[in-house]
Protein backbone atom coordinates (compact mmCIF):
# COMPACT_ATOMS: atom_id res chain seq x y z
CA MET A 1 -4.95 52.00 10.49
CA SER A 2 -1.14 50.75 10.24
CA GLU A 3 0.71 50.06 7.05
CA ILE A 4 0.74 46.45 7.57
CA THR A 5 -3.15 45.85 8.03
CA LYS A 6 -3.54 47.64 4.70
CA LYS A 7 -1.59 45.01 2.89
CA LEU A 8 -3.61 42.40 0.92
CA VAL A 9 -2.00 39.17 1.46
CA VAL A 10 -2.29 36.76 -1.63
CA SER A 11 -1.33 32.91 -1.26
CA ALA A 12 -1.59 29.88 -3.29
CA SER A 13 -4.86 27.63 -2.97
CA PRO A 14 -6.22 25.75 -1.11
CA HIS A 15 -7.29 28.53 1.25
CA PHE A 16 -9.15 26.05 3.76
CA ARG A 17 -7.28 25.73 6.86
CA SER A 18 -7.45 22.69 9.21
CA LYS A 19 -6.16 22.13 12.79
CA THR A 20 -5.15 18.70 11.63
CA THR A 21 -1.21 18.11 11.14
CA THR A 22 0.81 15.91 9.11
CA THR A 23 2.24 14.40 12.52
CA GLN A 24 -1.46 13.93 13.72
CA ILE A 25 -2.27 12.09 10.55
CA MET A 26 0.69 9.92 10.66
CA LEU A 27 0.47 8.88 14.27
CA ASP A 28 -3.16 7.91 13.37
CA VAL A 29 -1.65 5.55 10.58
CA ILE A 30 1.04 4.16 13.05
CA ILE A 31 -2.02 3.40 15.79
CA ALA A 32 -3.92 1.67 12.58
CA MET A 33 -1.00 -0.49 12.11
CA ILE A 34 -0.36 -1.89 15.69
CA PRO A 35 -2.91 -4.89 15.31
CA ALA A 36 -1.28 -6.08 12.18
CA LEU A 37 2.33 -5.85 13.92
CA VAL A 38 1.16 -7.44 17.24
CA ALA A 39 -0.67 -10.28 14.85
CA SER A 40 2.74 -10.67 13.16
CA VAL A 41 4.73 -11.11 16.44
CA ILE A 42 2.28 -13.71 17.54
CA LEU A 43 2.27 -15.65 14.36
CA PHE A 44 6.12 -15.43 13.45
CA GLY A 45 7.81 -14.48 16.62
CA ILE A 46 9.93 -11.76 17.99
CA ASN A 47 11.98 -11.59 14.79
CA SER A 48 8.81 -9.67 13.22
CA LEU A 49 9.50 -6.99 15.70
CA ILE A 50 13.04 -6.70 15.20
CA LEU A 51 12.74 -6.38 11.54
CA THR A 52 9.98 -3.55 12.05
CA VAL A 53 12.26 -1.66 14.61
CA VAL A 54 15.22 -2.04 12.26
CA SER A 55 13.18 -0.89 9.42
CA VAL A 56 11.77 2.33 11.29
CA ILE A 57 15.00 3.25 12.68
CA SER A 58 16.61 3.11 9.39
CA CYS A 59 14.24 5.11 7.89
CA VAL A 60 14.31 7.75 10.48
CA ILE A 61 18.00 7.93 10.25
CA PHE A 62 18.03 8.11 6.45
CA GLU A 63 15.57 10.77 6.41
CA TYR A 64 17.65 12.97 8.94
CA LEU A 65 20.74 12.41 7.23
CA SER A 66 19.67 12.97 3.87
CA ARG A 67 17.78 16.12 4.93
CA LYS A 68 20.91 17.39 6.55
CA VAL A 69 23.18 16.56 3.28
CA LEU A 70 20.55 18.36 0.98
CA LYS A 71 20.55 21.22 3.59
CA ARG A 72 16.88 21.00 4.11
CA HIS A 73 14.97 21.62 7.31
CA ASN A 74 14.39 18.64 9.61
CA THR A 75 11.18 16.56 8.97
CA ILE A 76 11.68 13.42 11.19
CA GLY A 77 9.22 14.81 13.66
CA ASP A 78 6.30 14.54 11.12
CA LEU A 79 6.41 10.59 11.72
CA SER A 80 6.08 9.93 7.84
CA ALA A 81 9.53 7.98 7.82
CA VAL A 82 8.00 5.95 10.73
CA VAL A 83 5.21 5.01 8.60
CA THR A 84 7.48 4.26 5.72
CA GLY A 85 9.52 2.09 7.83
CA MET A 86 6.59 0.14 9.11
CA LEU A 87 5.11 -0.57 5.67
CA LEU A 88 8.33 -1.69 4.25
CA ALA A 89 8.49 -4.22 7.07
CA PHE A 90 5.02 -5.09 6.55
CA ASN A 91 5.84 -6.02 3.17
CA LEU A 92 8.81 -8.49 3.90
CA PRO A 93 9.12 -12.16 5.59
CA SER A 94 10.01 -12.40 8.94
CA THR A 95 13.13 -14.41 7.64
CA MET A 96 14.75 -11.46 5.64
CA PRO A 97 18.24 -10.60 6.84
CA VAL A 98 18.37 -7.13 8.73
CA TRP A 99 21.04 -5.80 6.23
CA MET A 100 18.63 -6.08 3.54
CA VAL A 101 16.15 -4.34 5.29
CA ILE A 102 18.44 -1.34 5.71
CA ILE A 103 18.95 -1.41 2.08
CA GLY A 104 15.22 -1.30 1.37
CA ALA A 105 14.90 1.78 3.84
CA PHE A 106 17.55 3.34 1.99
CA THR A 107 16.00 3.04 -1.22
CA ALA A 108 12.61 4.09 -0.09
CA ILE A 109 13.65 7.12 2.05
CA VAL A 110 16.54 8.72 0.33
CA ILE A 111 15.95 7.44 -3.49
CA ALA A 112 12.11 7.37 -3.81
CA LYS A 113 11.29 10.37 -1.44
CA GLN A 114 14.21 12.86 -0.47
CA PHE A 115 15.47 12.88 -4.02
CA PHE A 116 11.96 14.00 -5.05
CA GLY A 117 11.69 16.69 -2.44
CA GLY A 118 10.53 14.88 0.79
CA ILE A 119 6.88 14.28 2.00
CA GLY A 120 4.09 15.53 -0.53
CA ASN A 121 6.73 15.57 -3.52
CA ASN A 122 7.24 11.83 -4.16
CA PHE A 123 5.32 10.37 -7.35
CA VAL A 124 5.16 6.99 -6.01
CA ASN A 125 4.89 5.01 -2.91
CA PRO A 126 8.46 4.90 -1.18
CA ALA A 127 7.74 1.63 0.88
CA LEU A 128 6.57 -0.09 -2.18
CA ILE A 129 9.78 1.00 -4.19
CA GLY A 130 11.78 -0.27 -1.64
CA ARG A 131 10.07 -3.72 -1.57
CA ILE A 132 10.27 -3.91 -5.54
CA VAL A 133 13.97 -3.22 -5.29
CA LEU A 134 14.54 -5.87 -2.72
CA MET A 135 12.31 -8.44 -4.52
CA ALA A 136 14.37 -7.74 -7.79
CA SER A 137 17.83 -7.75 -6.10
CA TYR A 138 17.31 -10.67 -3.51
CA PRO A 139 14.06 -12.76 -4.88
CA SER A 140 15.05 -15.93 -2.87
CA GLN A 141 15.39 -14.24 0.44
CA ILE A 142 12.11 -12.11 -0.10
CA GLY A 143 10.36 -15.41 -0.97
CA ASN A 144 11.35 -17.28 1.93
CA PHE A 145 8.21 -17.52 3.79
CA VAL A 146 7.92 -19.45 7.14
CA ALA A 147 4.76 -21.49 8.52
CA PRO A 148 3.01 -19.54 11.48
CA PHE A 149 3.96 -20.58 14.94
CA SER A 150 6.98 -22.45 13.57
CA HIS A 151 9.04 -20.33 16.08
CA LYS A 152 7.55 -22.11 18.94
CA GLY A 153 9.03 -24.81 20.74
CA GLY A 154 12.70 -24.31 20.05
CA VAL A 155 12.82 -25.81 16.72
CA ASP A 156 13.96 -24.32 13.17
CA ALA A 157 11.42 -22.36 11.30
CA VAL A 158 9.73 -24.64 8.62
CA THR A 159 9.44 -22.85 5.45
CA THR A 160 6.47 -22.94 3.32
CA ALA A 161 4.77 -21.57 0.29
CA THR A 162 1.99 -18.91 0.33
CA PRO A 163 -1.47 -19.67 -0.67
CA LEU A 164 -1.27 -17.33 -3.39
CA ALA A 165 1.97 -19.01 -4.90
CA GLN A 166 -0.07 -22.19 -4.68
CA MET A 167 -3.44 -20.59 -6.42
CA THR A 168 -1.55 -20.61 -9.81
CA SER A 169 -2.04 -24.12 -10.22
CA VAL A 170 -5.67 -23.90 -9.49
CA TYR A 171 -6.62 -21.54 -12.57
CA SER A 172 -6.34 -24.13 -15.36
CA ALA A 173 -8.20 -26.79 -13.18
CA GLU A 174 -11.58 -28.22 -14.72
CA ASN A 175 -13.10 -28.25 -11.08
CA ILE A 176 -11.77 -25.26 -8.98
CA ASP A 177 -13.38 -26.50 -5.58
CA VAL A 178 -11.69 -29.86 -5.96
CA ALA A 179 -8.41 -28.22 -6.94
CA ILE A 180 -8.51 -26.06 -3.85
CA ASP A 181 -9.35 -29.12 -1.62
CA GLY A 182 -6.59 -31.21 -3.04
CA ALA A 183 -4.03 -28.46 -2.73
CA GLY A 184 -4.25 -28.26 1.03
CA PHE A 185 -4.82 -24.52 1.50
CA PRO A 186 -5.54 -23.33 4.79
CA SER A 187 -9.19 -22.74 5.63
CA LEU A 188 -11.08 -19.65 5.12
CA LEU A 189 -10.98 -18.92 8.90
CA ASP A 190 -7.39 -19.51 8.92
CA MET A 191 -6.74 -17.27 6.04
CA PHE A 192 -8.92 -14.47 7.78
CA LEU A 193 -7.00 -14.76 11.00
CA GLY A 194 -3.58 -14.90 9.55
CA VAL A 195 -2.79 -18.78 10.08
CA LYS A 196 -0.63 -18.92 6.81
CA GLY A 197 2.54 -17.93 5.30
CA GLY A 198 3.37 -14.49 4.05
CA CYS A 199 4.87 -10.99 4.76
CA LEU A 200 4.69 -9.62 8.24
CA GLY A 201 1.72 -7.07 7.70
CA GLU A 202 -0.33 -8.96 5.30
CA VAL A 203 -1.53 -12.34 6.65
CA CYS A 204 -4.16 -11.25 9.12
CA ILE A 205 -6.93 -9.89 7.42
CA LEU A 206 -8.84 -9.28 10.95
CA ALA A 207 -5.93 -7.01 12.00
CA LEU A 208 -6.25 -5.18 8.57
CA ILE A 209 -9.70 -4.62 9.01
CA ILE A 210 -9.55 -3.27 12.48
CA GLY A 211 -6.86 -0.75 11.13
CA PHE A 212 -9.05 0.22 8.23
CA ILE A 213 -12.05 0.73 10.28
CA TYR A 214 -9.96 3.20 12.67
CA LEU A 215 -8.76 5.01 9.67
CA VAL A 216 -12.15 5.52 8.37
CA VAL A 217 -13.76 6.58 11.85
CA ARG A 218 -10.73 8.84 12.40
CA LYS A 219 -11.30 10.38 8.65
CA VAL A 220 -7.91 9.90 7.78
CA ILE A 221 -8.91 7.91 4.64
CA SER A 222 -11.87 7.72 2.40
CA PRO A 223 -13.28 4.18 2.16
CA VAL A 224 -13.61 4.58 -1.63
CA ILE A 225 -10.09 3.41 -2.85
CA PRO A 226 -9.84 0.29 -0.42
CA LEU A 227 -13.44 -0.86 -1.24
CA VAL A 228 -13.17 -0.30 -4.82
CA TYR A 229 -9.90 -1.83 -5.13
CA VAL A 230 -10.91 -4.98 -3.33
CA GLY A 231 -14.13 -5.02 -5.29
CA THR A 232 -12.57 -4.84 -8.69
CA VAL A 233 -10.37 -7.68 -7.57
CA ALA A 234 -13.34 -9.54 -6.28
CA VAL A 235 -15.21 -9.12 -9.41
CA ALA A 236 -12.04 -10.27 -11.76
CA MET A 237 -11.44 -13.45 -9.68
CA LEU A 238 -15.06 -14.43 -9.61
CA ILE A 239 -14.94 -14.16 -13.43
CA ALA A 240 -11.47 -15.89 -13.54
CA GLY A 241 -12.72 -18.52 -11.01
CA LYS A 242 -15.95 -19.52 -13.22
CA GLY A 243 -18.13 -18.17 -10.42
CA ASP A 244 -16.53 -19.94 -7.70
CA LEU A 245 -16.79 -17.74 -4.63
CA THR A 246 -14.40 -19.86 -2.54
CA PHE A 247 -11.74 -18.99 -5.25
CA MET A 248 -12.69 -15.38 -5.06
CA ALA A 249 -12.49 -15.19 -1.19
CA TYR A 250 -8.93 -17.12 -1.13
CA GLN A 251 -7.81 -14.32 -3.73
CA ILE A 252 -8.82 -11.47 -1.64
CA MET A 253 -7.37 -12.86 1.59
CA ALA A 254 -4.11 -14.25 0.23
CA GLY A 255 -1.39 -11.88 -0.47
CA GLY A 256 -1.01 -8.20 0.20
CA LEU A 257 -4.38 -6.83 -1.34
CA VAL A 258 -6.02 -5.89 1.59
CA LEU A 259 -2.76 -4.28 3.23
CA GLY A 260 -2.05 -2.49 -0.23
CA ALA A 261 -5.77 -1.37 -0.71
CA VAL A 262 -5.75 0.15 3.05
CA PHE A 263 -2.23 1.36 3.79
CA MET A 264 -0.57 2.05 0.48
CA ALA A 265 -2.96 2.79 -2.39
CA THR A 266 -4.61 5.46 -0.09
CA ASP A 267 -1.30 7.50 0.43
CA TYR A 268 -2.13 11.18 0.09
CA THR A 269 0.69 12.34 -1.99
CA THR A 270 0.33 9.28 -4.59
CA SER A 271 -3.32 9.13 -5.03
CA PRO A 272 -5.90 11.21 -6.49
CA VAL A 273 -8.00 13.86 -4.61
CA SER A 274 -11.39 13.97 -6.72
CA PHE A 275 -13.98 11.40 -6.13
CA LYS A 276 -14.26 9.92 -9.61
CA GLY A 277 -10.46 10.00 -9.76
CA LYS A 278 -10.43 7.80 -6.68
CA ILE A 279 -12.59 5.35 -8.33
CA ILE A 280 -10.70 5.18 -11.52
CA TYR A 281 -7.60 4.79 -9.65
CA ALA A 282 -8.81 1.88 -7.52
CA ILE A 283 -10.48 0.06 -10.70
CA GLY A 284 -6.96 0.54 -12.38
CA CYS A 285 -5.32 -1.11 -9.24
CA GLY A 286 -7.71 -3.73 -9.23
CA ILE A 287 -7.47 -4.76 -12.82
CA LEU A 288 -3.87 -4.80 -13.00
CA THR A 289 -3.40 -6.81 -9.81
CA SER A 290 -5.86 -9.38 -11.28
CA LEU A 291 -4.00 -9.45 -14.80
CA ILE A 292 -0.83 -10.11 -13.03
CA ARG A 293 -1.86 -12.77 -10.77
CA ILE A 294 -3.64 -14.55 -13.35
CA PHE A 295 -1.44 -14.00 -16.31
CA GLY A 296 1.96 -12.86 -14.98
CA SER A 297 4.74 -15.01 -13.94
CA LEU A 298 4.44 -13.71 -10.38
CA PRO A 299 1.88 -14.74 -8.17
CA GLU A 300 1.59 -11.24 -6.61
CA GLY A 301 0.69 -8.05 -8.45
CA VAL A 302 -0.27 -5.60 -5.71
CA SER A 303 3.08 -3.51 -5.60
CA PHE A 304 3.51 -3.15 -9.30
CA SER A 305 -0.28 -2.38 -9.63
CA ILE A 306 -0.03 0.65 -7.06
CA ILE A 307 3.16 2.13 -8.56
CA ILE A 308 1.94 1.96 -12.03
CA MET A 309 -1.35 3.80 -10.94
CA ASN A 310 0.63 6.03 -8.70
CA ILE A 311 2.38 7.51 -11.89
CA LEU A 312 -0.64 7.81 -13.71
CA VAL A 313 -2.46 10.03 -11.08
CA PRO A 314 -1.51 13.20 -12.33
CA HIS A 315 -3.34 11.93 -15.52
CA ILE A 316 -6.30 11.10 -13.62
CA GLU A 317 -6.50 14.17 -11.66
CA HIS A 318 -6.17 16.31 -15.04
CA LEU A 319 -9.21 14.40 -16.52
CA THR A 320 -11.41 14.22 -13.47
CA THR A 321 -10.71 17.58 -11.66
CA ALA A 322 -13.78 19.76 -11.62
CA ARG A 323 -13.54 22.88 -13.85
CA PRO A 324 -13.83 26.50 -11.98
CA PHE A 325 -17.17 27.63 -11.85
CA GLY A 326 -17.96 29.91 -14.73
CA GLU A 327 -15.13 28.41 -17.14
CA VAL A 328 -16.03 27.84 -20.59
CA LYS A 329 -14.72 24.83 -22.51
CA GLU A 330 -12.26 25.68 -25.23
CA LYS A 331 -14.37 24.17 -27.83
CA LYS A 332 -17.55 26.16 -26.84
CA LYS A 333 -15.03 29.14 -26.82
CA LYS A 334 -14.21 28.34 -30.36
CA ARG A 335 -17.61 27.52 -31.51
CA GLU A 336 -18.86 31.12 -30.16
CA ALA A 337 -15.79 32.76 -31.86
CA GLU A 338 -16.87 31.23 -35.40
CA ALA A 339 -20.46 32.27 -34.84
CA LYS A 340 -19.40 35.95 -34.46
């Protein structure tokens, strides 16, 4: 027996080995986002594709350059920068200037991701940080939404308010159904298909559901976080809407709730691992989203809610992680010592 075979190799947990690679996971996420990208091009025109491509290329370049400057091994091959670029674009309107998208990409990759060590070390979702910085810096541009299909016919794009922004006037109405009818909202079918104003990737709920099903079937994500997150908002909005199901349906399909629940709240690095932790995390996201929408000055609360819960994930993990088999609680140890 050689000297090498006698050595006992000790490595950090987990000791489970899987053939699944980061690149494969990210490729599945990219495939899941393609239906929403196609829908955005159909609804808002070729500019949606241009912004997405610019965002992706910018994220890849910034990742390559930052890793080079920091003298770390190259990671652009894992496709995580591509996913971040697509998600950043999905959270922006089709009218967003290209140079602003590049600023958002720099913030997401360099500041929110690489400054903390790269993939697996970021404590918040990079794409959401990019969006929040753009929202704070250029609020008028990030809120400049256009009506679907306004790019057709060679006419200038028609700006429009999103259904979620219009919902703020409905909360205080005595008869919510009458208020919804009077506000001129799109039909629920149009809301489902994406015929409404909004960010690129959030409008078509059908496309997002297709992506969600694909990710669950491929076992890339667990359905727990998306279902609990959306379910929590549904319950909260049912209460806020005085039991009105139509109001609840509009709240679920308006804004970035489904996009955030499926593609951003489920990020491996910034979400809990344990089942109990996932439930607590998702409920927290849902409650914060609902509170911001109802009482906040902004109509949307998904980005801030997910970021806040990302920060709390280490504490959630500490409280919900199962104890190793045979471990005795500290209080029990103390009682046993006192008894002796």
